């Protein structure tokens, strides 16, 4: 996937909830507030997902792009994209 496509996907996900998987195996969910060309992310209301019903609240965080393996936008944002909103 090219960087241009990745940045466009992030632009469409601004304000929505994203799931971020990190190189160390951790998963973090939060509202995407901002990003840059290095894919550093600013997440608000972030929480580390440790299991099905187990999470740790982190609050407002910056995730360095070098540590990111995958970013998944929320289902709601994906449905808006399909419907053309």
N, C-alpha and C. Protein backbone atom coordinates (compact mmCIF):
# COMPACT_ATOMS: atom_id res chain seq x y z
N UNK A 1 0.86 -1.18 0.00
CA UNK A 1 0.00 0.00 0.00
C UNK A 1 0.90 1.23 0.00
N UNK A 2 0.64 2.17 -0.88
CA UNK A 2 1.47 3.36 -0.95
C UNK A 2 1.15 4.30 0.21
N UNK A 3 2.09 5.17 0.49
CA UNK A 3 1.93 6.13 1.57
C UNK A 3 0.76 7.07 1.29
N UNK A 4 0.57 7.47 0.02
CA UNK A 4 -0.54 8.37 -0.33
C UNK A 4 -1.88 7.76 0.04
N UNK A 5 -2.07 6.49 -0.27
CA UNK A 5 -3.33 5.82 0.04
C UNK A 5 -3.51 5.73 1.55
N UNK A 6 -2.43 5.42 2.26
CA UNK A 6 -2.49 5.31 3.72
C UNK A 6 -2.88 6.64 4.35
N UNK A 7 -2.28 7.72 3.88
CA UNK A 7 -2.60 9.04 4.44
C UNK A 7 -4.02 9.46 4.10
N UNK A 8 -4.53 9.07 2.93
CA UNK A 8 -5.93 9.37 2.59
C UNK A 8 -6.88 8.63 3.51
N UNK A 9 -6.54 7.37 3.83
CA UNK A 9 -7.36 6.59 4.74
C UNK A 9 -7.36 7.23 6.13
N UNK A 10 -6.22 7.73 6.56
CA UNK A 10 -6.15 8.41 7.86
C UNK A 10 -6.98 9.69 7.84
N UNK A 11 -6.93 10.42 6.74
CA UNK A 11 -7.70 11.67 6.63
C UNK A 11 -9.19 11.39 6.78
N UNK A 12 -9.67 10.30 6.17
CA UNK A 12 -11.08 9.94 6.26
C UNK A 12 -11.45 9.43 7.65
N UNK A 13 -10.46 8.98 8.40
CA UNK A 13 -10.71 8.43 9.74
C UNK A 13 -10.62 9.48 10.85
N UNK A 14 -10.21 10.71 10.52
CA UNK A 14 -10.09 11.76 11.54
C UNK A 14 -11.41 11.93 12.28
N UNK A 15 -11.33 11.97 13.59
CA UNK A 15 -12.51 12.14 14.42
C UNK A 15 -13.20 10.83 14.74
N UNK A 16 -12.81 9.76 14.08
CA UNK A 16 -13.41 8.45 14.31
C UNK A 16 -12.52 7.58 15.19
N UNK A 17 -13.05 6.47 15.61
CA UNK A 17 -12.31 5.53 16.43
C UNK A 17 -11.47 4.63 15.54
N UNK A 18 -10.21 4.43 15.93
CA UNK A 18 -9.32 3.53 15.19
C UNK A 18 -8.71 2.53 16.16
N UNK A 19 -8.40 1.37 15.63
CA UNK A 19 -7.68 0.34 16.36
C UNK A 19 -6.27 0.30 15.79
N UNK A 20 -5.26 0.42 16.66
CA UNK A 20 -3.87 0.46 16.23
C UNK A 20 -3.14 -0.73 16.85
N UNK A 21 -2.52 -1.53 15.99
CA UNK A 21 -1.70 -2.65 16.48
C UNK A 21 -0.24 -2.23 16.40
N UNK A 22 0.51 -2.50 17.47
CA UNK A 22 1.90 -2.08 17.57
C UNK A 22 2.86 -3.25 17.39
N UNK A 23 4.12 -2.93 17.11
CA UNK A 23 5.15 -3.96 16.89
C UNK A 23 5.34 -4.86 18.10
N UNK A 24 5.11 -4.36 19.30
CA UNK A 24 5.30 -5.16 20.50
C UNK A 24 4.10 -6.05 20.81
N UNK A 25 3.12 -6.08 19.90
CA UNK A 25 1.95 -6.94 20.07
C UNK A 25 0.78 -6.29 20.77
N UNK A 26 0.95 -5.09 21.27
CA UNK A 26 -0.14 -4.40 21.95
C UNK A 26 -1.13 -3.83 20.95
N UNK A 27 -2.36 -3.63 21.42
CA UNK A 27 -3.42 -3.02 20.60
C UNK A 27 -3.98 -1.84 21.37
N UNK A 28 -4.14 -0.71 20.68
CA UNK A 28 -4.66 0.51 21.30
C UNK A 28 -5.83 1.01 20.46
N UNK A 29 -6.90 1.41 21.16
CA UNK A 29 -8.07 1.96 20.49
C UNK A 29 -8.29 3.38 21.01
N UNK A 30 -8.64 4.29 20.10
CA UNK A 30 -8.92 5.66 20.51
C UNK A 30 -9.44 6.48 19.36
N UNK A 31 -9.83 7.71 19.67
CA UNK A 31 -10.34 8.62 18.64
C UNK A 31 -9.17 9.33 17.99
N UNK A 32 -9.06 9.20 16.66
CA UNK A 32 -7.97 9.80 15.91
C UNK A 32 -8.16 11.31 15.83
N UNK A 33 -7.25 12.05 16.45
CA UNK A 33 -7.32 13.51 16.46
C UNK A 33 -6.36 14.15 15.48
N UNK A 34 -5.29 13.43 15.12
CA UNK A 34 -4.32 13.99 14.19
C UNK A 34 -3.27 12.98 13.81
N UNK A 35 -2.51 13.32 12.74
CA UNK A 35 -1.44 12.46 12.25
C UNK A 35 -0.50 13.31 11.42
N UNK A 36 0.67 12.76 11.09
CA UNK A 36 1.59 13.46 10.20
C UNK A 36 2.10 12.52 9.12
N UNK A 37 3.02 13.01 8.27
CA UNK A 37 3.51 12.21 7.15
C UNK A 37 4.30 10.98 7.59
N UNK A 38 4.73 10.93 8.85
CA UNK A 38 5.45 9.77 9.38
C UNK A 38 4.49 8.77 10.03
N UNK A 39 3.19 9.06 9.95
CA UNK A 39 2.13 8.26 10.56
C UNK A 39 2.21 8.24 12.08
N UNK A 40 2.79 9.29 12.67
CA UNK A 40 2.65 9.48 14.11
C UNK A 40 1.19 9.85 14.33
N UNK A 41 0.55 9.25 15.32
CA UNK A 41 -0.87 9.46 15.54
C UNK A 41 -1.13 10.12 16.89
N UNK A 42 -2.11 10.99 16.94
CA UNK A 42 -2.61 11.54 18.20
C UNK A 42 -3.97 10.90 18.43
N UNK A 43 -4.08 10.18 19.55
CA UNK A 43 -5.33 9.50 19.91
C UNK A 43 -5.87 10.07 21.21
N UNK A 44 -7.15 10.39 21.22
CA UNK A 44 -7.82 10.90 22.42
C UNK A 44 -8.69 9.78 22.99
N UNK A 45 -8.78 9.72 24.31
CA UNK A 45 -9.59 8.68 24.95
C UNK A 45 -9.05 7.29 24.65
N UNK A 46 -7.73 7.20 24.52
CA UNK A 46 -7.11 5.93 24.13
C UNK A 46 -7.17 4.92 25.27
N UNK A 47 -7.23 3.66 24.87
CA UNK A 47 -7.16 2.57 25.84
C UNK A 47 -6.41 1.40 25.22
N UNK A 48 -5.59 0.75 26.04
CA UNK A 48 -4.87 -0.44 25.60
C UNK A 48 -5.80 -1.63 25.78
N UNK A 49 -5.99 -2.39 24.73
CA UNK A 49 -6.86 -3.57 24.76
C UNK A 49 -6.01 -4.76 25.20
N UNK A 50 -6.37 -5.34 26.35
CA UNK A 50 -5.60 -6.46 26.89
C UNK A 50 -6.35 -7.77 26.86
N UNK A 51 -7.55 -7.76 26.42
CA UNK A 51 -8.37 -8.97 26.35
C UNK A 51 -9.78 -8.57 25.96
N UNK A 52 -10.65 -9.55 25.89
CA UNK A 52 -12.01 -9.27 25.44
C UNK A 52 -12.72 -8.25 26.33
N UNK A 53 -12.59 -8.38 27.64
CA UNK A 53 -13.25 -7.45 28.56
C UNK A 53 -12.26 -6.74 29.46
N UNK A 54 -11.02 -6.62 29.01
CA UNK A 54 -9.98 -6.03 29.83
C UNK A 54 -9.25 -4.95 29.04
N UNK A 55 -9.27 -3.72 29.55
CA UNK A 55 -8.55 -2.63 28.91
C UNK A 55 -8.03 -1.67 29.97
N UNK A 56 -6.99 -0.92 29.58
CA UNK A 56 -6.39 0.08 30.47
C UNK A 56 -6.53 1.44 29.81
N UNK A 57 -7.14 2.38 30.50
CA UNK A 57 -7.34 3.73 29.96
C UNK A 57 -6.01 4.48 29.94
N UNK A 58 -5.71 5.11 28.80
CA UNK A 58 -4.47 5.85 28.63
C UNK A 58 -4.70 7.35 28.45
N UNK A 59 -5.88 7.74 28.00
CA UNK A 59 -6.18 9.15 27.79
C UNK A 59 -5.66 9.65 26.45
N UNK A 60 -5.10 10.87 26.45
CA UNK A 60 -4.57 11.49 25.24
C UNK A 60 -3.13 11.03 25.05
N UNK A 61 -2.83 10.40 23.90
CA UNK A 61 -1.49 9.87 23.67
C UNK A 61 -1.03 10.18 22.25
N UNK A 62 0.29 10.09 22.05
CA UNK A 62 0.90 10.15 20.72
C UNK A 62 1.55 8.79 20.49
N UNK A 63 1.22 8.17 19.37
CA UNK A 63 1.81 6.89 19.00
C UNK A 63 2.79 7.15 17.87
N UNK A 64 4.04 6.79 18.08
CA UNK A 64 5.07 7.00 17.06
C UNK A 64 4.85 6.05 15.88
N UNK A 65 4.90 6.59 14.67
CA UNK A 65 4.62 5.82 13.47
C UNK A 65 5.52 4.61 13.29
N UNK A 66 6.78 4.68 13.76
CA UNK A 66 7.71 3.56 13.64
C UNK A 66 7.21 2.31 14.35
N UNK A 67 6.36 2.47 15.36
CA UNK A 67 5.89 1.34 16.16
C UNK A 67 4.61 0.72 15.62
N UNK A 68 3.99 1.33 14.61
CA UNK A 68 2.68 0.88 14.13
C UNK A 68 2.82 -0.20 13.07
N UNK A 69 2.07 -1.28 13.27
CA UNK A 69 2.02 -2.37 12.29
C UNK A 69 0.75 -2.25 11.46
N UNK A 70 -0.38 -1.87 12.10
CA UNK A 70 -1.67 -1.82 11.42
C UNK A 70 -2.56 -0.76 12.05
N UNK A 71 -3.34 -0.09 11.21
CA UNK A 71 -4.36 0.85 11.68
C UNK A 71 -5.67 0.45 11.03
N UNK A 72 -6.68 0.24 11.87
CA UNK A 72 -7.98 -0.17 11.35
C UNK A 72 -9.02 0.88 11.73
N UNK A 73 -9.66 1.52 10.74
CA UNK A 73 -10.71 2.50 11.05
C UNK A 73 -11.94 1.81 11.60
N UNK A 74 -12.78 2.59 12.28
CA UNK A 74 -14.00 2.03 12.86
C UNK A 74 -14.96 1.59 11.76
N UNK A 75 -15.85 0.69 12.12
CA UNK A 75 -16.85 0.18 11.18
C UNK A 75 -17.75 1.31 10.68
N UNK A 76 -18.09 2.24 11.56
CA UNK A 76 -18.98 3.35 11.19
C UNK A 76 -18.34 4.18 10.07
N UNK A 77 -17.07 4.51 10.23
CA UNK A 77 -16.38 5.30 9.21
C UNK A 77 -16.29 4.54 7.89
N UNK A 78 -16.07 3.22 7.94
CA UNK A 78 -16.01 2.42 6.72
C UNK A 78 -17.35 2.44 6.01
N UNK A 79 -18.47 2.36 6.76
CA UNK A 79 -19.79 2.38 6.15
C UNK A 79 -20.06 3.74 5.51
N UNK A 80 -19.60 4.84 6.14
CA UNK A 80 -19.78 6.17 5.56
C UNK A 80 -19.03 6.27 4.23
N UNK A 81 -17.83 5.68 4.19
CA UNK A 81 -17.02 5.72 2.99
C UNK A 81 -17.71 4.97 1.85
N UNK A 82 -18.29 3.83 2.14
CA UNK A 82 -18.99 3.04 1.13
C UNK A 82 -20.21 3.76 0.61
N UNK A 83 -20.94 4.45 1.50
CA UNK A 83 -22.16 5.15 1.09
C UNK A 83 -21.87 6.49 0.40
N UNK A 84 -20.57 6.90 0.41
CA UNK A 84 -20.21 8.12 -0.28
C UNK A 84 -20.31 9.36 0.56
N UNK A 85 -20.46 9.22 1.89
CA UNK A 85 -20.57 10.39 2.76
C UNK A 85 -19.24 11.05 2.98
